Structures are given as structure tokens and as C-alpha cells.
Amino acid sequence: MTAVTPAPGPRHSLRGTVVTIALVVGALCMLFPFAWMVLTAFQPDGSLGSVPRLSDLTTGNFGRLSDALPFWRILGNSLWISVLSTLAQLVTSTLAAYAFARFTFRGRDTLFMVYLATMMIPQQVLLVPLFVEMKQIGLIDTYAGIMLPGLASAFGTFLIRQAMLSVPRELEEAALVDGAGHMRILWAVVLPLVRPALATFTVFGFMASWNNFLWPLVVTRSPELYTLPLGLSSLQGQFTTQWNVVMAGSVISVVPMLLLYLFAQKHIVRSIATTGLK
């Protein structure tokens, strides 16, 4: 005998309609600033006081970026600093997560909680000691000085550890019987199964490094070492600001993050659905 699924009632249908309308309105509210930025980037004048017009679009603002500052060098700085910092965080976070998830040693849980507690320390509190440390080792106004404080991530360790806890231990035990070491198990068994978490943290780590403004502002002196947030901030004058040029640079700055998110979107959804499960 086949069970008959009851048709949704009017109350359920109304609730679904209300939720859909709320989601559409929320999406439009979030897209509005982005649309305003894109339209302003193609406007001939640099005022934010007027509504962007579709009839007066121009691409000249993107060319003016190179006249105002070494934009493409600054863009390259942001790209390779963000890529190297993200790769370093992936390596350190993966190794730390595997140790916390699979090794048993005295004080492991306490050490992990202390490690997580570092996420509650604001970056502003660490600026002075980090600056003094970079100055003592001679890394002020260098690429290494920009990247060194961001080579490890407590959030990445937590996210990847939670994903590793969901991997059945039987798979690792079978690999141990076959003679595989921990590094081989991590590379061949565990990492393929936690790929969604790795992709999610790649997006978060790249976005944090790409948008980082405060630390590069403190540690750099030369315009040749500027990252994109610093370069865009230097376009704002004391009395007047060509906002169309600033918005043109902002549009370019959004493209790498948008492409990375679109590439890793399905992995992010899977990671959010499975993170926290044991």
C-alpha cells in the first residue's frame, strides 16, 4: 500500500512565499552597494552626490588608475602575498589540525582551547609587540614582514580539525597496517576526505589576507610594497577624491575573490553542512 503525501496547506504555502520574498529583498539590499560601486566606476565624474547614469558610461577610469599610482604592481603585491599567506596557513593549519584530531598527548585539549582563545584577541592589541618584533629582526618595510604574522591560523586549525574528526579511524588503521606513516596517511587518506573544509578555508584565508589593511599600513613605508587596500586608500585626497577612480580600483579588487568563491562554492556548501560532526 503506497503512502499518500498530503498536499501543502494554505498556511505552509503562505509561509514559503513570505520566506522567498524576504530572501529576495535581502539579496537586493546586499547587491545594491555592489551595483552602485560598479556603476560609479564607469561614470565620467567623481562625485558620489549624484545618481549613477547608464547613459554616460566610460572605461577611462580604469586607465587613470595607472596614472594615479603603480596600480598593477600593487595588484601583483596583493596577489602573491595573499597566495603565499594562504598556502602557508593551509600547511600549518592542516598539520596542527591532524595532530589535535589524531594524536593523544597530555594537555592536548587544554592546548587546543588556548590556541582557539587567541582568536578572541583583537589585532589592534598585537600591533605594537608585532611591530617591535619585526623591527628587531629587520623585517620592517619588507614582504616577509607583511606575511610573517599571518602564516598560521587558529580558525583554520579549528575548521580542518572538525572535518578530520568526521573521517573514520578505520581508514587510517588500515593504512597503518599496510605500512603507511602519518604523513602518508594525511596526504593520501585524510586530505581527500576533508577537501570541502580545505576549500572553505582557502576562500576565508585568501579573503582575510586580500582585505588586510591595518598591518600592512603599520609595517610598510615604501609605496612599491603597498597592497591593494593601501593603494586604494591613497587615492583619497585631503580635500577632494575622485570616487569614480577609487570605485574602478575597487571593482578590480573584487574580481579575484569572486572568481575564487565561484570556483569553491560547492565545497563551501558541503563544508558548512558537515563541520562540527564527529
Protein backbone atom coordinates (compact mmCIF):
# COMPACT_ATOMS: atom_id res chain seq x y z
CA MET A 1 0.00 0.00 0.00
CA THR A 2 1.52 3.31 -1.08
CA ALA A 3 1.52 6.20 1.36
CA VAL A 4 -0.06 9.38 0.07
CA THR A 5 1.79 12.60 0.78
CA PRO A 6 -0.64 15.31 1.86
CA ALA A 7 -0.67 18.45 -0.21
CA PRO A 8 0.74 21.55 1.47
CA GLY A 9 -1.91 23.64 3.16
CA PRO A 10 -2.51 27.35 2.64
CA ARG A 11 -0.56 28.26 5.79
CA HIS A 12 2.52 26.36 4.61
CA SER A 13 2.29 27.90 1.13
CA LEU A 14 1.96 31.41 2.59
CA ARG A 15 4.96 30.87 4.84
CA GLY A 16 7.07 29.74 1.89
CA THR A 17 6.02 32.79 -0.11
CA VAL A 18 6.91 35.14 2.74
CA VAL A 19 10.32 33.49 3.17
CA THR A 20 11.01 33.74 -0.56
CA ILE A 21 10.07 37.43 -0.64
CA ALA A 22 12.25 38.13 2.40
CA LEU A 23 15.21 36.37 0.79
CA VAL A 24 14.78 38.29 -2.46
CA VAL A 25 14.55 41.62 -0.62
CA GLY A 26 17.64 40.75 1.43
CA ALA A 27 19.56 39.77 -1.71
CA LEU A 28 18.62 43.03 -3.42
CA CYS A 29 19.71 45.05 -0.38
CA MET A 30 23.10 43.33 -0.40
CA LEU A 31 23.55 43.71 -4.15
CA PHE A 32 22.64 47.40 -4.19
CA PRO A 33 26.01 48.74 -2.84
CA PHE A 34 27.87 46.46 -5.26
CA ALA A 35 25.78 47.70 -8.21
CA TRP A 36 26.35 51.31 -7.12
CA MET A 37 30.11 50.68 -6.97
CA VAL A 38 30.19 49.16 -10.47
CA LEU A 39 28.12 51.97 -12.00
CA THR A 40 30.22 54.66 -10.28
CA ALA A 41 33.38 53.06 -11.66
CA PHE A 42 32.13 53.80 -15.18
CA GLN A 43 30.97 57.40 -14.53
CA PRO A 44 32.89 60.34 -16.08
CA ASP A 45 32.69 62.47 -12.92
CA GLY A 46 33.94 61.52 -9.47
CA SER A 47 31.07 62.73 -7.30
CA LEU A 48 29.10 60.44 -5.01
CA GLY A 49 26.35 63.01 -4.65
CA SER A 50 24.72 62.24 -7.99
CA VAL A 51 22.94 59.08 -9.03
CA PRO A 52 24.99 56.99 -11.50
CA ARG A 53 23.68 57.31 -15.05
CA LEU A 54 23.60 54.50 -17.58
CA SER A 55 23.84 56.97 -20.46
CA ASP A 56 27.31 58.36 -19.58
CA LEU A 57 29.41 55.23 -19.12
CA THR A 58 33.17 55.30 -19.74
CA THR A 59 36.11 52.95 -19.18
CA GLY A 60 38.64 55.76 -18.79
CA ASN A 61 38.67 55.48 -15.01
CA PHE A 62 40.48 52.15 -15.20
CA GLY A 63 43.26 53.75 -17.24
CA ARG A 64 43.53 56.61 -14.76
CA LEU A 65 44.44 54.14 -12.03
CA SER A 66 47.88 53.64 -13.55
CA ASP A 67 48.37 57.40 -13.73
CA ALA A 68 47.47 57.92 -10.07
CA LEU A 69 49.66 55.13 -8.63
CA PRO A 70 51.60 51.98 -9.69
CA PHE A 71 48.34 50.06 -9.65
CA TRP A 72 49.40 46.88 -11.42
CA ARG A 73 52.45 46.46 -9.20
CA ILE A 74 50.25 46.97 -6.16
CA LEU A 75 47.76 44.45 -7.53
CA GLY A 76 50.60 41.97 -8.05
CA ASN A 77 51.77 42.56 -4.47
CA SER A 78 48.33 41.73 -3.12
CA LEU A 79 48.02 38.65 -5.31
CA TRP A 80 51.28 36.96 -4.44
CA ILE A 81 51.20 37.98 -0.77
CA SER A 82 47.66 36.60 -0.44
CA VAL A 83 48.50 33.40 -2.31
CA LEU A 84 51.65 32.69 -0.29
CA SER A 85 49.97 33.53 3.02
CA THR A 86 47.00 31.29 2.20
CA LEU A 87 49.25 28.38 1.20
CA ALA A 88 51.29 28.78 4.38
CA GLN A 89 48.14 28.84 6.51
CA LEU A 90 46.85 25.72 4.75
CA VAL A 91 50.06 23.83 5.51
CA THR A 92 50.38 24.91 9.15
CA SER A 93 46.67 24.56 9.89
CA THR A 94 46.47 21.10 8.30
CA LEU A 95 49.44 19.77 10.25
CA ALA A 96 48.18 21.25 13.53
CA ALA A 97 44.64 20.01 12.90
CA TYR A 98 45.86 16.46 12.24
CA ALA A 99 47.88 16.49 15.46
CA PHE A 100 44.92 17.74 17.51
CA ALA A 101 42.49 15.34 15.84
CA ARG A 102 44.52 12.12 15.84
CA PHE A 103 47.41 12.29 18.32
CA THR A 104 46.91 11.66 22.01
CA PHE A 105 49.22 13.52 24.40
CA ARG A 106 48.97 15.15 27.80
CA GLY A 107 47.32 18.56 27.75
CA ARG A 108 46.07 18.22 24.17
CA ASP A 109 42.58 19.56 24.84
CA THR A 110 43.87 22.36 27.06
CA LEU A 111 46.41 23.40 24.45
CA PHE A 112 43.73 23.36 21.78
CA MET A 113 41.46 25.60 23.87
CA VAL A 114 44.32 28.03 24.49
CA TYR A 115 45.04 28.00 20.75
CA LEU A 116 41.42 28.82 20.00
CA ALA A 117 41.41 31.57 22.63
CA THR A 118 43.89 33.52 20.51
CA MET A 119 41.03 34.24 18.09
CA MET A 120 39.45 36.46 20.75
CA ILE A 121 42.48 38.79 20.86
CA PRO A 122 41.89 41.86 18.65
CA GLN A 123 44.53 42.58 16.04
CA GLN A 124 44.95 46.10 17.38
CA VAL A 125 46.28 44.71 20.68
CA LEU A 126 49.07 42.89 18.85
CA LEU A 127 50.22 45.76 16.64
CA VAL A 128 52.85 47.20 18.99
CA PRO A 129 54.53 43.91 20.03
CA LEU A 130 54.46 42.65 16.43
CA PHE A 131 55.99 45.90 15.18
CA VAL A 132 58.75 45.75 17.80
CA GLU A 133 59.44 42.14 16.90
CA MET A 134 59.60 42.87 13.17
CA LYS A 135 61.91 45.82 13.82
CA GLN A 136 64.29 43.74 15.93
CA ILE A 137 64.67 41.11 13.22
CA GLY A 138 64.92 43.69 10.44
CA LEU A 139 61.69 42.96 8.58
CA ILE A 140 60.14 46.43 8.61
CA ASP A 141 59.15 47.53 5.08
CA THR A 142 59.63 44.05 3.58
CA TYR A 143 57.36 41.46 2.03
CA ALA A 144 58.35 38.99 4.75
CA GLY A 145 57.30 41.46 7.42
CA ILE A 146 53.85 41.74 5.85
CA MET A 147 53.33 37.98 5.58
CA LEU A 148 55.04 36.58 8.69
CA PRO A 149 52.30 37.31 11.29
CA GLY A 150 49.73 35.58 9.10
CA LEU A 151 51.48 32.27 8.49
CA ALA A 152 49.29 30.37 10.98
CA SER A 153 45.56 30.48 11.65
CA ALA A 154 43.69 29.27 14.73
CA PHE A 155 40.43 29.40 12.81
CA GLY A 156 41.86 27.24 10.04
CA THR A 157 43.11 24.71 12.56
CA PHE A 158 39.68 24.51 14.19
CA LEU A 159 37.81 24.20 10.88
CA ILE A 160 40.07 21.49 9.45
CA ARG A 161 40.26 19.61 12.77
CA GLN A 162 36.46 19.40 12.93
CA ALA A 163 36.43 17.97 9.41
CA MET A 164 39.13 15.45 10.29
CA LEU A 165 37.14 14.23 13.28
CA SER A 166 34.46 13.04 10.87
CA VAL A 167 36.92 10.79 9.00
CA PRO A 168 36.54 7.15 10.14
CA ARG A 169 39.55 5.94 12.07
CA GLU A 170 39.23 2.54 10.39
CA LEU A 171 40.63 4.03 7.19
CA GLU A 172 43.76 5.21 8.98
CA GLU A 173 44.14 1.94 10.83
CA ALA A 174 44.00 0.05 7.52
CA ALA A 175 46.69 2.36 6.13
CA LEU A 176 48.85 1.77 9.22
CA VAL A 177 48.55 -1.99 8.71
CA ASP A 178 49.76 -1.51 5.14
CA GLY A 179 52.85 0.25 6.48
CA ALA A 180 51.94 3.88 5.79
CA GLY A 181 53.29 6.60 8.07
CA HIS A 182 51.38 9.56 9.41
CA MET A 183 52.43 11.89 6.59
CA ARG A 184 51.37 9.33 4.01
CA ILE A 185 48.04 8.81 5.77
CA LEU A 186 47.48 12.56 5.97
CA TRP A 187 48.25 13.08 2.29
CA ALA A 188 46.58 10.03 0.74
CA VAL A 189 43.72 9.23 3.13
CA VAL A 190 42.66 12.23 5.21
CA LEU A 191 43.14 15.23 2.91
CA PRO A 192 40.97 13.92 0.04
CA LEU A 193 38.12 13.41 2.52
CA VAL A 194 38.35 16.91 4.03
CA ARG A 195 38.62 18.71 0.71
CA PRO A 196 35.47 20.81 1.34
CA ALA A 197 36.94 22.20 4.57
CA LEU A 198 40.24 22.94 2.82
CA ALA A 199 38.42 24.79 0.02
CA THR A 200 36.36 26.76 2.52
CA PHE A 201 39.39 27.84 4.49
CA THR A 202 41.22 28.72 1.28
CA VAL A 203 38.49 31.24 0.49
CA PHE A 204 38.40 32.64 4.02
CA GLY A 205 42.19 32.82 4.32
CA PHE A 206 42.65 34.46 0.93
CA MET A 207 39.89 36.97 1.63
CA ALA A 208 41.39 37.91 5.02
CA SER A 209 44.86 38.43 3.53
CA TRP A 210 43.49 40.24 0.46
CA ASN A 211 41.49 42.71 2.57
CA ASN A 212 44.10 43.19 5.30
CA PHE A 213 44.70 46.91 5.74
CA LEU A 214 45.89 47.68 9.26
CA TRP A 215 49.04 45.53 9.50
CA PRO A 216 50.45 46.45 6.04
CA LEU A 217 49.78 50.10 6.89
CA VAL A 218 51.90 49.78 10.04
CA VAL A 219 54.77 47.71 8.68
CA THR A 220 55.30 49.25 5.22
CA ARG A 221 56.93 52.54 4.24
CA SER A 222 57.59 52.25 0.50
CA PRO A 223 54.72 52.68 -1.99
CA GLU A 224 56.26 49.82 -4.01
CA LEU A 225 55.28 47.42 -1.21
CA TYR A 226 51.72 48.66 -0.89
CA THR A 227 48.90 46.15 -1.07
CA LEU A 228 45.61 46.92 -2.77
CA PRO A 229 43.76 48.28 0.30
CA LEU A 230 46.64 50.69 0.96
CA GLY A 231 46.80 51.73 -2.67
CA LEU A 232 43.07 52.43 -2.84
CA SER A 233 43.20 54.42 0.40
CA SER A 234 45.99 56.59 -1.03
CA LEU A 235 43.63 57.68 -3.82
CA GLN A 236 41.54 59.60 -1.31
CA GLY A 237 42.76 63.18 -1.19
CA GLN A 238 42.65 65.59 1.73
CA PHE A 239 40.11 67.88 0.09
CA THR A 240 38.73 66.09 -2.98
CA THR A 241 38.51 62.46 -4.00
CA GLN A 242 37.89 61.06 -7.47
CA TRP A 243 35.47 58.40 -6.35
CA ASN A 244 34.99 57.02 -9.84
CA VAL A 245 38.69 56.12 -9.93
CA VAL A 246 38.50 54.64 -6.42
CA MET A 247 35.48 52.57 -7.41
CA ALA A 248 37.26 51.38 -10.56
CA GLY A 249 40.05 50.03 -8.39
CA SER A 250 37.51 48.52 -6.02
CA VAL A 251 35.82 46.68 -8.89
CA ILE A 252 39.14 45.16 -9.93
CA SER A 253 39.86 44.19 -6.31
CA VAL A 254 36.59 42.25 -6.09
CA VAL A 255 37.23 40.10 -9.17
CA PRO A 256 39.83 37.66 -7.69
CA MET A 257 37.71 36.95 -4.60
CA LEU A 258 34.59 36.49 -6.71
CA LEU A 259 36.33 34.02 -9.03
CA LEU A 260 37.78 32.09 -6.10
CA TYR A 261 34.41 31.84 -4.39
CA LEU A 262 32.66 30.69 -7.57
CA PHE A 263 35.33 28.03 -8.04
CA ALA A 264 34.99 26.72 -4.47
CA GLN A 265 31.26 27.32 -3.96
CA LYS A 266 30.14 23.69 -3.92
CA HIS A 267 32.90 22.74 -1.49
CA ILE A 268 31.93 25.59 0.85
CA VAL A 269 28.32 24.40 0.97
CA ARG A 270 29.43 20.83 1.76
CA SER A 271 31.84 22.05 4.44
CA ILE A 272 29.19 24.14 6.21
CA ALA A 273 26.86 21.13 6.17
CA THR A 274 29.41 18.76 7.71
CA THR A 275 31.61 20.93 10.00
CA GLY A 276 31.11 20.04 13.65
CA LEU A 277 30.06 16.44 13.01
CA LYS A 278 32.05 13.69 14.62
